[in-house]
Amino acid sequence: MVDSVDSSSIIANTTNVGMAGEQKKPVSDEIISHFNSNKTVVDVIYFPLETPFLKAAAKTGARTYNGLGMLVYQAASSFNEWTNTDMPVQKIISIVKKNV
């Protein structure tokens, strides 16, 4: 697995590990030690905004992204389909950030 991490530029967690305050990470600290500033690490979880996985990845210098954008933009697409109106995405992101 380390070889896969070393040869990848994007690493994504698409599991629920680390959700709702769970203090687990989806991979070992040994794997995370291979992250660096050339890596982008994504966790599709949006609660909490910074999971233990993202926190550990950030310490290595990797760029990190949580799942909030995915959640809101999926909702925006559905909102548009149902109402034929654009959802105020930035306003919704701000509201969600205040409430998670």
PDB file of N, CA and C in Angstrom:
ATOM      1  N   MET A   1       0.820  -1.192   0.000  1.00  0.00           N
ATOM      2  CA  MET A   1       0.000   0.000   0.000  1.00  0.00           C
ATOM      3  C   MET A   1       0.869   1.262   0.000  1.00  0.00           C
ATOM      4  N   VAL A   2       2.007   1.228   0.644  1.00  0.00           N
ATOM      5  CA  VAL A   2       2.893   2.389   0.689  1.00  0.00           C
ATOM      6  C   VAL A   2       3.317   2.783  -0.727  1.00  0.00           C
ATOM      7  N   ASP A   3       3.588   1.810  -1.587  1.00  0.00           N
ATOM      8  CA  ASP A   3       3.962   2.120  -2.962  1.00  0.00           C
ATOM      9  C   ASP A   3       2.840   2.859  -3.671  1.00  0.00           C
ATOM     10  N   SER A   4       1.600   2.472  -3.414  1.00  0.00           N
ATOM     11  CA  SER A   4       0.455   3.142  -4.025  1.00  0.00           C
ATOM     12  C   SER A   4       0.349   4.583  -3.550  1.00  0.00           C
ATOM     13  N   VAL A   5       0.576   4.810  -2.264  1.00  0.00           N
ATOM     14  CA  VAL A   5       0.533   6.170  -1.723  1.00  0.00           C
ATOM     15  C   VAL A   5       1.662   6.997  -2.315  1.00  0.00           C
ATOM     16  N   ASP A   6       2.856   6.426  -2.369  1.00  0.00           N
ATOM     17  CA  ASP A   6       4.008   7.161  -2.894  1.00  0.00           C
ATOM     18  C   ASP A   6       3.802   7.578  -4.348  1.00  0.00           C
ATOM     19  N   SER A   7       3.097   6.764  -5.118  1.00  0.00           N
ATOM     20  CA  SER A   7       2.915   7.075  -6.540  1.00  0.00           C
ATOM     21  C   SER A   7       1.623   7.840  -6.830  1.00  0.00           C
ATOM     22  N   SER A   8       0.879   8.186  -5.787  1.00  0.00           N
ATOM     23  CA  SER A   8      -0.390   8.896  -5.969  1.00  0.00           C
ATOM     24  C   SER A   8      -0.260  10.363  -5.607  1.00  0.00           C
ATOM     25  N   SER A   9      -1.041  11.190  -6.266  1.00  0.00           N
ATOM     26  CA  SER A   9      -1.075  12.602  -5.895  1.00  0.00           C
ATOM     27  C   SER A   9      -2.347  12.939  -5.126  1.00  0.00           C
ATOM     28  N   ILE A  10      -3.368  12.081  -5.241  1.00  0.00           N
ATOM     29  CA  ILE A  10      -4.626  12.288  -4.522  1.00  0.00           C
ATOM     30  C   ILE A  10      -4.954  11.027  -3.730  1.00  0.00           C
ATOM     31  N   ILE A  11      -5.246  11.213  -2.453  1.00  0.00           N
ATOM     32  CA  ILE A  11      -5.656  10.113  -1.579  1.00  0.00           C
ATOM     33  C   ILE A  11      -7.014  10.482  -1.014  1.00  0.00           C
ATOM     34  N   ALA A  12      -7.994   9.593  -1.155  1.00  0.00           N
ATOM     35  CA  ALA A  12      -9.354   9.901  -0.700  1.00  0.00           C
ATOM     36  C   ALA A  12      -9.872   8.839   0.251  1.00  0.00           C
ATOM     37  N   ASN A  13     -10.469   9.306   1.341  1.00  0.00           N
ATOM     38  CA  ASN A  13     -11.200   8.416   2.240  1.00  0.00           C
ATOM     39  C   ASN A  13     -12.677   8.537   1.881  1.00  0.00           C
ATOM     40  N   THR A  14     -13.253   7.441   1.447  1.00  0.00           N
ATOM     41  CA  THR A  14     -14.675   7.430   1.106  1.00  0.00           C
ATOM     42  C   THR A  14     -15.461   6.534   2.054  1.00  0.00           C
ATOM     43  N   THR A  15     -14.866   6.229   3.206  1.00  0.00           N
ATOM     44  CA  THR A  15     -15.545   5.420   4.221  1.00  0.00           C
ATOM     45  C   THR A  15     -16.131   6.355   5.281  1.00  0.00           C
ATOM     46  N   ASN A  16     -16.815   5.788   6.258  1.00  0.00           N
ATOM     47  CA  ASN A  16     -17.349   6.603   7.360  1.00  0.00           C
ATOM     48  C   ASN A  16     -16.410   6.613   8.572  1.00  0.00           C
ATOM     49  N   VAL A  17     -15.204   6.104   8.427  1.00  0.00           N
ATOM     50  CA  VAL A  17     -14.243   6.071   9.528  1.00  0.00           C
ATOM     51  C   VAL A  17     -13.819   7.504   9.868  1.00  0.00           C
ATOM     52  N   GLY A  18     -14.049   7.902  11.112  1.00  0.00           N
ATOM     53  CA  GLY A  18     -13.721   9.239  11.581  1.00  0.00           C
ATOM     54  C   GLY A  18     -14.925  10.159  11.659  1.00  0.00           C
ATOM     55  N   MET A  19     -16.095   9.619  11.345  1.00  0.00           N
ATOM     56  CA  MET A  19     -17.314  10.432  11.336  1.00  0.00           C
ATOM     57  C   MET A  19     -17.854  10.649  12.741  1.00  0.00           C
ATOM     58  N   ALA A  20     -18.502  11.786  12.945  1.00  0.00           N
ATOM     59  CA  ALA A  20     -19.217  12.109  14.188  1.00  0.00           C
ATOM     60  C   ALA A  20     -18.333  12.010  15.427  1.00  0.00           C
ATOM     61  N   GLY A  21     -17.085  12.424  15.278  1.00  0.00           N
ATOM     62  CA  GLY A  21     -16.203  12.460  16.436  1.00  0.00           C
ATOM     63  C   GLY A  21     -15.440  11.178  16.718  1.00  0.00           C
ATOM     64  N   GLU A  22     -15.652  10.141  15.906  1.00  0.00           N
ATOM     65  CA  GLU A  22     -14.894   8.896  16.073  1.00  0.00           C
ATOM     66  C   GLU A  22     -13.414   9.201  15.860  1.00  0.00           C
ATOM     67  N   GLN A  23     -12.561   8.771  16.752  1.00  0.00           N
ATOM     68  CA  GLN A  23     -11.142   9.134  16.716  1.00  0.00           C
ATOM     69  C   GLN A  23     -10.272   8.155  15.932  1.00  0.00           C
ATOM     70  N   LYS A  24     -10.860   7.432  15.016  1.00  0.00           N
ATOM     71  CA  LYS A  24     -10.105   6.484  14.194  1.00  0.00           C
ATOM     72  C   LYS A  24      -9.722   7.123  12.864  1.00  0.00           C
ATOM     73  N   LYS A  25      -8.707   6.537  12.227  1.00  0.00           N
ATOM     74  CA  LYS A  25      -8.290   6.937  10.883  1.00  0.00           C
ATOM     75  C   LYS A  25      -8.445   5.725   9.965  1.00  0.00           C
ATOM     76  N   PRO A  26      -8.725   5.943   8.687  1.00  0.00           N
ATOM     77  CA  PRO A  26      -8.942   4.811   7.780  1.00  0.00           C
ATOM     78  C   PRO A  26      -7.661   4.084   7.376  1.00  0.00           C
ATOM     79  N   VAL A  27      -6.506   4.676   7.655  1.00  0.00           N
ATOM     80  CA  VAL A  27      -5.221   4.044   7.366  1.00  0.00           C
ATOM     81  C   VAL A  27      -4.295   4.260   8.558  1.00  0.00           C
ATOM     82  N   SER A  28      -3.218   3.508   8.588  1.00  0.00           N
ATOM     83  CA  SER A  28      -2.278   3.583   9.717  1.00  0.00           C
ATOM     84  C   SER A  28      -1.436   4.862   9.650  1.00  0.00           C
ATOM     85  N   ASP A  29      -0.845   5.193  10.792  1.00  0.00           N
ATOM     86  CA  ASP A  29       0.071   6.328  10.853  1.00  0.00           C
ATOM     87  C   ASP A  29       1.284   6.106   9.950  1.00  0.00           C
ATOM     88  N   GLU A  30       1.681   4.849   9.762  1.00  0.00           N
ATOM     89  CA  GLU A  30       2.798   4.549   8.859  1.00  0.00           C
ATOM     90  C   GLU A  30       2.462   4.984   7.432  1.00  0.00           C
ATOM     91  N   ILE A  31       1.258   4.708   6.992  1.00  0.00           N
ATOM     92  CA  ILE A  31       0.828   5.132   5.655  1.00  0.00           C
ATOM     93  C   ILE A  31       0.796   6.658   5.582  1.00  0.00           C
ATOM     94  N   ILE A  32       0.210   7.290   6.603  1.00  0.00           N
ATOM     95  CA  ILE A  32       0.106   8.752   6.624  1.00  0.00           C
ATOM     96  C   ILE A  32       1.477   9.406   6.611  1.00  0.00           C
ATOM     97  N   SER A  33       2.477   8.745   7.185  1.00  0.00           N
ATOM     98  CA  SER A  33       3.826   9.324   7.198  1.00  0.00           C
ATOM     99  C   SER A  33       4.397   9.475   5.785  1.00  0.00           C
ATOM    100  N   HIS A  34       3.776   8.856   4.802  1.00  0.00           N
ATOM    101  CA  HIS A  34       4.223   8.988   3.416  1.00  0.00           C
ATOM    102  C   HIS A  34       3.519  10.133   2.683  1.00  0.00           C
ATOM    103  N   PHE A  35       2.591  10.815   3.352  1.00  0.00           N
ATOM    104  CA  PHE A  35       1.950  11.996   2.775  1.00  0.00           C
ATOM    105  C   PHE A  35       2.943  13.154   2.832  1.00  0.00           C
ATOM    106  N   ASN A  36       2.787  14.114   1.948  1.00  0.00           N
ATOM    107  CA  ASN A  36       3.652  15.291   1.940  1.00  0.00           C
ATOM    108  C   ASN A  36       2.954  16.419   1.186  1.00  0.00           C
ATOM    109  N   SER A  37       3.659  17.507   0.976  1.00  0.00           N
ATOM    110  CA  SER A  37       3.057  18.689   0.351  1.00  0.00           C
ATOM    111  C   SER A  37       2.700  18.469  -1.120  1.00  0.00           C
ATOM    112  N   ASN A  38       3.135  17.373  -1.691  1.00  0.00           N
ATOM    113  CA  ASN A  38       2.764  17.040  -3.071  1.00  0.00           C
ATOM    114  C   ASN A  38       1.473  16.225  -3.144  1.00  0.00           C
ATOM    115  N   LYS A  39       0.884  15.954  -2.005  1.00  0.00           N
ATOM    116  CA  LYS A  39      -0.333  15.128  -1.956  1.00  0.00           C
ATOM    117  C   LYS A  39      -1.552  15.991  -1.645  1.00  0.00           C
ATOM    118  N   THR A  40      -2.673  15.596  -2.217  1.00  0.00           N
ATOM    119  CA  THR A  40      -3.968  16.159  -1.870  1.00  0.00           C
ATOM    120  C   THR A  40      -4.751  15.041  -1.195  1.00  0.00           C
ATOM    121  N   VAL A  41      -5.246  15.327  -0.005  1.00  0.00           N
ATOM    122  CA  VAL A  41      -5.967  14.320   0.778  1.00  0.00           C
ATOM    123  C   VAL A  41      -7.403  14.798   0.966  1.00  0.00           C
ATOM    124  N   VAL A  42      -8.329  13.938   0.584  1.00  0.00           N
ATOM    125  CA  VAL A  42      -9.747  14.256   0.638  1.00  0.00           C
ATOM    126  C   VAL A  42     -10.443  13.259   1.553  1.00  0.00           C
ATOM    127  N   ASP A  43     -11.314  13.770   2.402  1.00  0.00           N
ATOM    128  CA  ASP A  43     -12.158  12.922   3.241  1.00  0.00           C
ATOM    129  C   ASP A  43     -13.596  13.337   2.961  1.00  0.00           C
ATOM    130  N   VAL A  44     -14.431  12.435   2.476  1.00  0.00           N
ATOM    131  CA  VAL A  44     -15.797  12.807   2.102  1.00  0.00           C
ATOM    132  C   VAL A  44     -16.677  13.129   3.309  1.00  0.00           C
ATOM    133  N   ILE A  45     -16.165  12.900   4.500  1.00  0.00           N
ATOM    134  CA  ILE A  45     -16.906  13.211   5.722  1.00  0.00           C
ATOM    135  C   ILE A  45     -16.957  14.730   5.914  1.00  0.00           C
ATOM    136  N   TYR A  46     -18.101  15.221   6.360  1.00  0.00           N
ATOM    137  CA  TYR A  46     -18.258  16.657   6.615  1.00  0.00           C
ATOM    138  C   TYR A  46     -18.592  16.950   8.067  1.00  0.00           C
ATOM    139  N   PHE A  47     -18.719  15.924   8.896  1.00  0.00           N
ATOM    140  CA  PHE A  47     -18.958  16.104  10.327  1.00  0.00           C
ATOM    141  C   PHE A  47     -18.127  15.104  11.091  1.00  0.00           C
ATOM    142  N   PRO A  48     -17.064  15.545  11.700  1.00  0.00           N
ATOM    143  CA  PRO A  48     -16.589  16.928  11.853  1.00  0.00           C
ATOM    144  C   PRO A  48     -15.914  17.418  10.571  1.00  0.00           C
ATOM    145  N   LEU A  49     -15.742  18.730  10.490  1.00  0.00           N
ATOM    146  CA  LEU A  49     -15.105  19.302   9.304  1.00  0.00           C
ATOM    147  C   LEU A  49     -13.653  18.853   9.171  1.00  0.00           C
ATOM    148  N   GLU A  50     -12.982  18.647  10.302  1.00  0.00           N
ATOM    149  CA  GLU A  50     -11.617  18.120  10.267  1.00  0.00           C
ATOM    150  C   GLU A  50     -11.584  16.806  11.026  1.00  0.00           C
ATOM    151  N   THR A  51     -11.523  15.718  10.282  1.00  0.00           N
ATOM    152  CA  THR A  51     -11.459  14.383  10.873  1.00  0.00           C
ATOM    153  C   THR A  51     -10.037  14.106  11.366  1.00  0.00           C
ATOM    154  N   PRO A  52      -9.845  13.083  12.187  1.00  0.00           N
ATOM    155  CA  PRO A  52      -8.484  12.708  12.589  1.00  0.00           C
ATOM    156  C   PRO A  52      -7.587  12.435  11.368  1.00  0.00           C
ATOM    157  N   PHE A  53      -8.158  11.873  10.320  1.00  0.00           N
ATOM    158  CA  PHE A  53      -7.415  11.597   9.083  1.00  0.00           C
ATOM    159  C   PHE A  53      -6.927  12.901   8.443  1.00  0.00           C
ATOM    160  N   LEU A  54      -7.816  13.879   8.308  1.00  0.00           N
ATOM    161  CA  LEU A  54      -7.414  15.163   7.719  1.00  0.00           C
ATOM    162  C   LEU A  54      -6.430  15.905   8.605  1.00  0.00           C
ATOM    163  N   LYS A  55      -6.626  15.815   9.911  1.00  0.00           N
ATOM    164  CA  LYS A  55      -5.715  16.481  10.850  1.00  0.00           C
ATOM    165  C   LYS A  55      -4.299  15.905  10.710  1.00  0.00           C
ATOM    166  N   ALA A  56      -4.207  14.577  10.641  1.00  0.00           N
ATOM    167  CA  ALA A  56      -2.902  13.927  10.492  1.00  0.00           C
ATOM    168  C   ALA A  56      -2.283  14.260   9.137  1.00  0.00           C
ATOM    169  N   ALA A  57      -3.099  14.290   8.090  1.00  0.00           N
ATOM    170  CA  ALA A  57      -2.597  14.612   6.751  1.00  0.00           C
ATOM    171  C   ALA A  57      -2.081  16.048   6.702  1.00  0.00           C
ATOM    172  N   ALA A  58      -2.790  16.964   7.334  1.00  0.00           N
ATOM    173  CA  ALA A  58      -2.377  18.372   7.344  1.00  0.00           C
ATOM    174  C   ALA A  58      -1.009  18.535   8.010  1.00  0.00           C
ATOM    175  N   LYS A  59      -0.748  17.753   9.028  1.00  0.00           N
ATOM    176  CA  LYS A  59       0.548  17.836   9.719  1.00  0.00           C
ATOM    177  C   LYS A  59       1.715  17.451   8.816  1.00  0.00           C
ATOM    178  N   THR A  60       1.437  16.688   7.761  1.00  0.00           N
ATOM    179  CA  THR A  60       2.499  16.282   6.824  1.00  0.00           C
ATOM    180  C   THR A  60       2.726  17.331   5.746  1.00  0.00           C
ATOM    181  N   GLY A  61       1.863  18.348   5.717  1.00  0.00           N
ATOM    182  CA  GLY A  61       1.958  19.378   4.685  1.00  0.00           C
ATOM    183  C   GLY A  61       1.046  19.135   3.495  1.00  0.00           C
ATOM    184  N   ALA A  62       0.314  18.035   3.512  1.00  0.00           N
ATOM    185  CA  ALA A  62      -0.602  17.743   2.410  1.00  0.00           C
ATOM    186  C   ALA A  62      -1.749  18.752   2.372  1.00  0.00           C
ATOM    187  N   ARG A  63      -2.258  19.024   1.182  1.00  0.00           N
ATOM    188  CA  ARG A  63      -3.460  19.846   1.043  1.00  0.00           C
ATOM    189  C   ARG A  63      -4.653  18.970   1.426  1.00  0.00           C
ATOM    190  N   THR A  64      -5.565  19.488   2.226  1.00  0.00           N
ATOM    191  CA  THR A  64      -6.678  18.668   2.701  1.00  0.00           C
ATOM    192  C   THR A  64      -8.021  19.307   2.362  1.00  0.00           C
ATOM    193  N   TYR A  65      -8.984  18.446   2.088  1.00  0.00           N
ATOM    194  CA  TYR A  65     -10.352  18.881   1.786  1.00  0.00           C
ATOM    195  C   TYR A  65     -11.330  17.927   2.451  1.00  0.00           C
ATOM    196  N   ASN A  66     -12.368  18.508   3.065  1.00  0.00           N
ATOM    197  CA  ASN A  66     -13.410  17.666   3.661  1.00  0.00           C
ATOM    198  C   ASN A  66     -14.573  17.515   2.687  1.00  0.00           C
ATOM    199  N   GLY A  67     -15.615  16.823   3.109  1.00  0.00           N
ATOM    200  CA  GLY A  67     -16.743  16.520   2.237  1.00  0.00           C
ATOM    201  C   GLY A  67     -17.833  17.572   2.193  1.00  0.00           C
ATOM    202  N   LEU A  68     -17.622  18.711   2.836  1.00  0.00           N
ATOM    203  CA  LEU A  68     -18.663  19.729   2.882  1.00  0.00           C
ATOM    204  C   LEU A  68     -19.045  20.230   1.487  1.00  0.00           C
ATOM    205  N   GLY A  69     -18.066  20.494   0.660  1.00  0.00           N
ATOM    206  CA  GLY A  69     -18.348  20.967  -0.691  1.00  0.00           C
ATOM    207  C   GLY A  69     -19.171  19.964  -1.484  1.00  0.00           C
ATOM    208  N   MET A  70     -18.805  18.694  -1.379  1.00  0.00           N
ATOM    209  CA  MET A  70     -19.551  17.662  -2.084  1.00  0.00           C
ATOM    210  C   MET A  70     -21.003  17.630  -1.599  1.00  0.00           C
ATOM    211  N   LEU A  71     -21.205  17.686  -0.301  1.00  0.00           N
ATOM    212  CA  LEU A  71     -22.546  17.675   0.276  1.00  0.00           C
ATOM    213  C   LEU A  71     -23.379  18.843  -0.249  1.00  0.00           C
ATOM    214  N   VAL A  72     -22.830  20.039  -0.162  1.00  0.00           N
ATOM    215  CA  VAL A  72     -23.588  21.236  -0.530  1.00  0.00           C
ATOM    216  C   VAL A  72     -23.828  21.297  -2.036  1.00  0.00           C
ATOM    217  N   TYR A  73     -22.829  20.974  -2.845  1.00  0.00           N
ATOM    218  CA  TYR A  73     -23.032  21.052  -4.294  1.00  0.00           C
ATOM    219  C   TYR A  73     -23.976  19.967  -4.809  1.00  0.00           C
ATOM    220  N   GLN A  74     -24.027  18.806  -4.155  1.00  0.00           N
ATOM    221  CA  GLN A  74     -25.050  17.810  -4.502  1.00  0.00           C
ATOM    222  C   GLN A  74     -26.428  18.360  -4.165  1.00  0.00           C
ATOM    223  N   ALA A  75     -26.543  18.982  -3.012  1.00  0.00           N
ATOM    224  CA  ALA A  75     -27.821  19.583  -2.613  1.00  0.00           C
ATOM    225  C   ALA A  75     -28.205  20.699  -3.586  1.00  0.00           C
ATOM    226  N   ALA A  76     -27.232  21.493  -4.007  1.00  0.00           N
ATOM    227  CA  ALA A  76     -27.506  22.602  -4.931  1.00  0.00           C
ATOM    228  C   ALA A  76     -28.040  22.085  -6.260  1.00  0.00           C
ATOM    229  N   SER A  77     -27.487  20.984  -6.715  1.00  0.00           N
ATOM    230  CA  SER A  77     -27.953  20.400  -7.967  1.00  0.00           C
ATOM    231  C   SER A  77     -29.409  19.938  -7.844  1.00  0.00           C
ATOM    232  N   SER A  78     -29.708  19.263  -6.753  1.00  0.00           N
ATOM    233  CA  SER A  78     -31.089  18.821  -6.518  1.00  0.00           C
ATOM    234  C   SER A  78     -32.029  20.009  -6.357  1.00  0.00           C
ATOM    235  N   PHE A  79     -31.598  21.008  -5.618  1.00  0.00           N
ATOM    236  CA  PHE A  79     -32.398  22.209  -5.406  1.00  0.00           C
ATOM    237  C   PHE A  79     -32.754  22.846  -6.748  1.00  0.00           C
ATOM    238  N   ASN A  80     -31.765  22.940  -7.625  1.00  0.00           N
ATOM    239  CA  ASN A  80     -31.984  23.527  -8.942  1.00  0.00           C
ATOM    240  C   ASN A  80     -32.963  22.690  -9.767  1.00  0.00           C
ATOM    241  N   GLU A  81     -32.813  21.371  -9.691  1.00  0.00           N
ATOM    242  CA  GLU A  81     -33.728  20.484 -10.428  1.00  0.00           C
ATOM    243  C   GLU A  81     -35.175  20.663  -9.975  1.00  0.00           C
ATOM    244  N   TRP A  82     -35.373  20.794  -8.685  1.00  0.00           N
ATOM    245  CA  TRP A  82     -36.724  20.887  -8.129  1.00  0.00           C
ATOM    246  C   TRP A  82     -37.334  22.281  -8.245  1.00  0.00           C
ATOM    247  N   THR A  83     -36.507  23.306  -8.166  1.00  0.00           N
ATOM    248  CA  THR A  83     -37.055  24.667  -8.099  1.00  0.00           C
ATOM    249  C   THR A  83     -36.729  25.529  -9.316  1.00  0.00           C
ATOM    250  N   ASN A  84     -35.820  25.027 -10.170  1.00  0.00           N
ATOM    251  CA  ASN A  84     -35.341  25.799 -11.321  1.00  0.00           C
ATOM    252  C   ASN A  84     -34.731  27.133 -10.866  1.00  0.00           C
ATOM    253  N   THR A  85     -34.158  27.107  -9.666  1.00  0.00           N
ATOM    254  CA  THR A  85     -33.527  28.274  -9.054  1.00  0.00           C
ATOM    255  C   THR A  85     -32.163  27.858  -8.514  1.00  0.00           C
ATOM    256  N   ASP A  86     -31.205  28.753  -8.601  1.00  0.00           N
ATOM    257  CA  ASP A  86     -29.892  28.450  -8.029  1.00  0.00           C
ATOM    258  C   ASP A  86     -29.935  28.584  -6.514  1.00  0.00           C
ATOM    259  N   MET A  87     -29.372  27.613  -5.845  1.00  0.00           N
ATOM    260  CA  MET A  87     -29.281  27.657  -4.389  1.00  0.00           C
ATOM    261  C   MET A  87     -28.133  28.598  -4.004  1.00  0.00           C
ATOM    262  N   PRO A  88     -28.284  29.389  -2.943  1.00  0.00           N
ATOM    263  CA  PRO A  88     -27.188  30.272  -2.505  1.00  0.00           C
ATOM    264  C   PRO A  88     -26.095  29.466  -1.796  1.00  0.00           C
ATOM    265  N   VAL A  89     -25.232  28.871  -2.591  1.00  0.00           N
ATOM    266  CA  VAL A  89     -24.243  27.903  -2.095  1.00  0.00           C
ATOM    267  C   VAL A  89     -23.373  28.476  -0.980  1.00  0.00           C
ATOM    268  N   GLN A  90     -22.790  29.638  -1.169  1.00  0.00           N
ATOM    269  CA  GLN A  90     -21.891  30.191  -0.148  1.00  0.00           C
ATOM    270  C   GLN A  90     -22.625  30.458   1.160  1.00  0.00           C
ATOM    271  N   LYS A  91     -23.857  30.913   1.067  1.00  0.00           N
ATOM    272  CA  LYS A  91     -24.653  31.140   2.269  1.00  0.00           C
ATOM    273  C   LYS A  91     -24.907  29.821   2.999  1.00  0.00           C
ATOM    274  N   ILE A  92     -25.226  28.775   2.254  1.00  0.00           N
ATOM    275  CA  ILE A  92     -25.481  27.459   2.858  1.00  0.00           C
ATOM    276  C   ILE A  92     -24.209  26.911   3.498  1.00  0.00           C
ATOM    277  N   ILE A  93     -23.080  27.048   2.820  1.00  0.00           N
ATOM    278  CA  ILE A  93     -21.807  26.578   3.389  1.00  0.00           C
ATOM    279  C   ILE A  93     -21.530  27.295   4.710  1.00  0.00           C
ATOM    280  N   SER A  94     -21.743  28.573   4.738  1.00  0.00           N
ATOM    281  CA  SER A  94     -21.537  29.360   5.967  1.00  0.00           C
ATOM    282  C   SER A  94     -22.453  28.868   7.095  1.00  0.00           C
ATOM    283  N   ILE A  95     -23.697  28.622   6.780  1.00  0.00           N
ATOM    284  CA  ILE A  95     -24.659  28.132   7.791  1.00  0.00           C
ATOM    285  C   ILE A  95     -24.242  26.759   8.301  1.00  0.00           C
ATOM    286  N   VAL A  96     -23.862  25.876   7.389  1.00  0.00           N
ATOM    287  CA  VAL A  96     -23.462  24.517   7.796  1.00  0.00           C
ATOM    288  C   VAL A  96     -22.219  24.580   8.690  1.00  0.00           C
ATOM    289  N   LYS A  97     -21.247  25.388   8.315  1.00  0.00           N
ATOM    290  CA  LYS A  97     -20.010  25.492   9.112  1.00  0.00           C
ATOM    291  C   LYS A  97     -20.302  25.959  10.530  1.00  0.00           C
ATOM    292  N   LYS A  98     -21.296  26.817  10.697  1.00  0.00           N
ATOM    293  CA  LYS A  98     -21.653  27.302  12.033  1.00  0.00           C
ATOM    294  C   LYS A  98     -22.349  26.238  12.864  1.00  0.00           C
ATOM    295  N   ASN A  99     -22.886  25.220  12.207  1.00  0.00           N
ATOM    296  CA  ASN A  99     -23.711  24.235  12.903  1.00  0.00           C
ATOM    297  C   ASN A  99     -23.123  22.835  12.983  1.00  0.00           C
ATOM    298  N   VAL A 100     -21.881  22.642  12.539  1.00  0.00           N
ATOM    299  CA  VAL A 100     -21.261  21.328  12.687  1.00  0.00           C
ATOM    300  C   VAL A 100     -20.142  21.366  13.692  1.00  0.00           C
TER     301      VAL A 100
END
